[in-house]
Amino acid sequence: MAIKSASEYVNFYLDLNMGEGNNLERFANNEKMVLKIKLENKNMDKVAIKKGIEILEELVKEIKENGEKFVLEKYQNN
């Protein structure tokens, strides 16, 4: 897994340029689901996947507490 920080996830999301219908919270929740599925694969680095899930959970929590705009501004290009 290449993404190791909240800032990297936010910039990855922004680089995808998915349009108006998708928001960071939805993206983070979807990514978290994908990582949980990958945990079941024997050949994957489970420590890195669990770290990714933790980062995404913190991002979602921060979005709910402070709003998406705040989180985007906080982590964008850090």
N, C-alpha and C. Protein backbone atom coordinates (compact mmCIF):
# COMPACT_ATOMS: atom_id res chain seq x y z
N MET A 1 0.85 -1.18 0.00
CA MET A 1 0.00 0.00 0.00
C MET A 1 0.88 1.23 0.00
N ALA A 2 0.61 2.17 -0.88
CA ALA A 2 1.47 3.32 -1.05
C ALA A 2 1.05 4.53 -0.22
N ILE A 3 -0.20 4.66 0.12
CA ILE A 3 -0.69 5.84 0.84
C ILE A 3 -0.49 5.65 2.33
N LYS A 4 0.21 6.61 2.95
CA LYS A 4 0.57 6.46 4.36
C LYS A 4 0.12 7.60 5.26
N SER A 5 -0.67 8.55 4.72
CA SER A 5 -1.11 9.67 5.55
C SER A 5 -2.44 10.21 5.05
N ALA A 6 -3.10 10.96 5.93
CA ALA A 6 -4.36 11.59 5.56
C ALA A 6 -4.16 12.56 4.41
N SER A 7 -3.06 13.28 4.44
CA SER A 7 -2.75 14.23 3.39
C SER A 7 -2.63 13.54 2.03
N GLU A 8 -1.99 12.38 2.01
CA GLU A 8 -1.86 11.64 0.75
C GLU A 8 -3.23 11.16 0.25
N TYR A 9 -4.11 10.73 1.16
CA TYR A 9 -5.46 10.33 0.75
C TYR A 9 -6.23 11.50 0.18
N VAL A 10 -6.15 12.65 0.82
CA VAL A 10 -6.88 13.83 0.33
C VAL A 10 -6.36 14.23 -1.05
N ASN A 11 -5.06 14.27 -1.22
CA ASN A 11 -4.51 14.65 -2.51
C ASN A 11 -4.82 13.61 -3.59
N PHE A 12 -4.83 12.34 -3.23
CA PHE A 12 -5.23 11.29 -4.16
C PHE A 12 -6.68 11.51 -4.60
N TYR A 13 -7.55 11.78 -3.63
CA TYR A 13 -8.97 12.05 -3.93
C TYR A 13 -9.10 13.25 -4.87
N LEU A 14 -8.38 14.31 -4.58
CA LEU A 14 -8.46 15.52 -5.41
C LEU A 14 -7.92 15.25 -6.82
N ASP A 15 -6.87 14.47 -6.92
CA ASP A 15 -6.30 14.15 -8.23
C ASP A 15 -7.25 13.31 -9.08
N LEU A 16 -8.12 12.53 -8.44
CA LEU A 16 -9.08 11.73 -9.18
C LEU A 16 -10.10 12.60 -9.90
N ASN A 17 -10.38 13.79 -9.35
CA ASN A 17 -11.30 14.75 -9.95
C ASN A 17 -12.60 14.06 -10.38
N MET A 18 -13.29 13.49 -9.41
CA MET A 18 -14.46 12.67 -9.66
C MET A 18 -15.74 13.47 -9.85
N GLY A 19 -15.70 14.75 -9.75
CA GLY A 19 -16.87 15.57 -10.02
C GLY A 19 -17.69 15.89 -8.79
N GLU A 20 -18.77 16.59 -9.02
CA GLU A 20 -19.61 17.13 -7.95
C GLU A 20 -20.34 16.05 -7.14
N GLY A 21 -20.68 14.92 -7.74
CA GLY A 21 -21.49 13.92 -7.07
C GLY A 21 -20.76 13.13 -6.00
N ASN A 22 -19.46 13.21 -5.98
CA ASN A 22 -18.68 12.44 -5.01
C ASN A 22 -18.03 13.39 -4.02
N ASN A 23 -18.08 13.01 -2.76
CA ASN A 23 -17.42 13.83 -1.76
C ASN A 23 -16.35 13.00 -1.04
N LEU A 24 -15.54 13.68 -0.28
CA LEU A 24 -14.42 13.04 0.40
C LEU A 24 -14.88 11.97 1.38
N GLU A 25 -15.95 12.23 2.09
CA GLU A 25 -16.44 11.24 3.06
C GLU A 25 -16.86 9.95 2.37
N ARG A 26 -17.59 10.06 1.29
CA ARG A 26 -18.03 8.88 0.53
C ARG A 26 -16.81 8.14 -0.01
N PHE A 27 -15.85 8.89 -0.55
CA PHE A 27 -14.62 8.30 -1.07
C PHE A 27 -13.88 7.54 0.03
N ALA A 28 -13.72 8.17 1.19
CA ALA A 28 -13.00 7.54 2.30
C ALA A 28 -13.70 6.27 2.76
N ASN A 29 -15.02 6.31 2.85
CA ASN A 29 -15.77 5.11 3.26
C ASN A 29 -15.63 3.99 2.23
N ASN A 30 -15.66 4.33 0.95
CA ASN A 30 -15.48 3.32 -0.09
C ASN A 30 -14.08 2.72 -0.04
N GLU A 31 -13.08 3.56 0.13
CA GLU A 31 -11.70 3.08 0.22
C GLU A 31 -11.53 2.16 1.43
N LYS A 32 -12.18 2.52 2.52
CA LYS A 32 -12.10 1.70 3.73
C LYS A 32 -12.70 0.32 3.48
N MET A 33 -13.81 0.25 2.76
CA MET A 33 -14.42 -1.04 2.42
C MET A 33 -13.48 -1.88 1.56
N VAL A 34 -12.84 -1.26 0.61
CA VAL A 34 -11.91 -1.97 -0.26
C VAL A 34 -10.76 -2.53 0.57
N LEU A 35 -10.23 -1.74 1.48
CA LEU A 35 -9.12 -2.21 2.31
C LEU A 35 -9.54 -3.36 3.22
N LYS A 36 -10.75 -3.30 3.74
CA LYS A 36 -11.23 -4.39 4.58
C LYS A 36 -11.34 -5.69 3.79
N ILE A 37 -11.73 -5.59 2.54
CA ILE A 37 -11.78 -6.77 1.68
C ILE A 37 -10.37 -7.29 1.43
N LYS A 38 -9.42 -6.38 1.23
CA LYS A 38 -8.03 -6.78 0.99
C LYS A 38 -7.41 -7.46 2.21
N LEU A 39 -7.91 -7.18 3.40
CA LEU A 39 -7.41 -7.83 4.60
C LEU A 39 -7.57 -9.35 4.53
N GLU A 40 -8.55 -9.79 3.78
CA GLU A 40 -8.82 -11.22 3.66
C GLU A 40 -7.82 -11.93 2.76
N ASN A 41 -7.08 -11.20 1.95
CA ASN A 41 -6.10 -11.77 1.04
C ASN A 41 -4.83 -12.13 1.81
N LYS A 42 -4.41 -13.35 1.74
CA LYS A 42 -3.24 -13.83 2.49
C LYS A 42 -1.95 -13.14 2.06
N ASN A 43 -1.87 -12.73 0.83
CA ASN A 43 -0.61 -12.21 0.28
C ASN A 43 -0.44 -10.70 0.46
N MET A 44 -1.33 -10.06 1.15
CA MET A 44 -1.26 -8.61 1.33
C MET A 44 -0.60 -8.26 2.66
N ASP A 45 -0.01 -7.07 2.72
CA ASP A 45 0.61 -6.57 3.95
C ASP A 45 -0.49 -6.07 4.88
N LYS A 46 -0.89 -6.90 5.81
CA LYS A 46 -2.02 -6.59 6.69
C LYS A 46 -1.75 -5.38 7.58
N VAL A 47 -0.51 -5.17 7.99
CA VAL A 47 -0.18 -4.03 8.84
C VAL A 47 -0.44 -2.73 8.08
N ALA A 48 0.01 -2.67 6.84
CA ALA A 48 -0.19 -1.47 6.03
C ALA A 48 -1.68 -1.23 5.74
N ILE A 49 -2.40 -2.31 5.49
CA ILE A 49 -3.84 -2.17 5.22
C ILE A 49 -4.56 -1.67 6.45
N LYS A 50 -4.24 -2.22 7.61
CA LYS A 50 -4.88 -1.77 8.86
C LYS A 50 -4.56 -0.31 9.13
N LYS A 51 -3.33 0.11 8.83
CA LYS A 51 -2.94 1.52 9.01
C LYS A 51 -3.78 2.41 8.08
N GLY A 52 -3.96 1.96 6.84
CA GLY A 52 -4.80 2.71 5.90
C GLY A 52 -6.22 2.86 6.39
N ILE A 53 -6.77 1.79 6.94
CA ILE A 53 -8.12 1.83 7.48
C ILE A 53 -8.20 2.82 8.64
N GLU A 54 -7.20 2.81 9.51
CA GLU A 54 -7.17 3.76 10.63
C GLU A 54 -7.14 5.20 10.12
N ILE A 55 -6.32 5.47 9.12
CA ILE A 55 -6.23 6.82 8.56
C ILE A 55 -7.57 7.24 8.01
N LEU A 56 -8.22 6.35 7.25
CA LEU A 56 -9.51 6.67 6.66
C LEU A 56 -10.58 6.89 7.72
N GLU A 57 -10.56 6.09 8.78
CA GLU A 57 -11.53 6.28 9.87
C GLU A 57 -11.34 7.64 10.53
N GLU A 58 -10.10 8.04 10.72
CA GLU A 58 -9.83 9.36 11.30
C GLU A 58 -10.28 10.48 10.36
N LEU A 59 -10.08 10.30 9.05
CA LEU A 59 -10.54 11.29 8.08
C LEU A 59 -12.05 11.45 8.14
N VAL A 60 -12.77 10.33 8.16
CA VAL A 60 -14.24 10.38 8.22
C VAL A 60 -14.69 11.06 9.51
N LYS A 61 -14.05 10.71 10.60
CA LYS A 61 -14.39 11.34 11.89
C LYS A 61 -14.16 12.84 11.83
N GLU A 62 -13.03 13.24 11.27
CA GLU A 62 -12.72 14.66 11.18
C GLU A 62 -13.69 15.40 10.25
N ILE A 63 -14.10 14.75 9.17
CA ILE A 63 -15.08 15.35 8.26
C ILE A 63 -16.40 15.57 9.00
N LYS A 64 -16.82 14.58 9.76
CA LYS A 64 -18.09 14.70 10.49
C LYS A 64 -18.03 15.78 11.55
N GLU A 65 -16.87 15.95 12.18
CA GLU A 65 -16.73 16.95 13.24
C GLU A 65 -16.52 18.36 12.71
N ASN A 66 -15.75 18.49 11.62
CA ASN A 66 -15.34 19.82 11.16
C ASN A 66 -15.81 20.20 9.77
N GLY A 67 -16.35 19.25 9.03
CA GLY A 67 -16.81 19.51 7.68
C GLY A 67 -15.75 19.20 6.64
N GLU A 68 -16.24 18.85 5.45
CA GLU A 68 -15.34 18.46 4.37
C GLU A 68 -14.43 19.60 3.93
N LYS A 69 -14.97 20.80 3.84
CA LYS A 69 -14.16 21.93 3.39
C LYS A 69 -12.95 22.14 4.30
N PHE A 70 -13.16 22.05 5.61
CA PHE A 70 -12.07 22.21 6.57
C PHE A 70 -10.99 21.15 6.34
N VAL A 71 -11.43 19.89 6.18
CA VAL A 71 -10.48 18.78 6.02
C VAL A 71 -9.72 18.92 4.71
N LEU A 72 -10.41 19.28 3.64
CA LEU A 72 -9.73 19.47 2.36
C LEU A 72 -8.66 20.55 2.46
N GLU A 73 -9.00 21.66 3.08
CA GLU A 73 -8.04 22.75 3.22
C GLU A 73 -6.87 22.36 4.13
N LYS A 74 -7.17 21.61 5.18
CA LYS A 74 -6.14 21.21 6.13
C LYS A 74 -5.09 20.30 5.49
N TYR A 75 -5.54 19.33 4.69
CA TYR A 75 -4.62 18.31 4.19
C TYR A 75 -4.16 18.53 2.75
N GLN A 76 -4.81 19.41 2.03
CA GLN A 76 -4.47 19.59 0.62
C GLN A 76 -3.03 20.05 0.46
N ASN A 77 -2.28 19.30 -0.32
CA ASN A 77 -0.88 19.61 -0.66
C ASN A 77 0.04 19.77 0.54
N ASN A 78 -0.23 19.04 1.61
CA ASN A 78 0.69 19.06 2.77
C ASN A 78 1.82 18.09 2.54
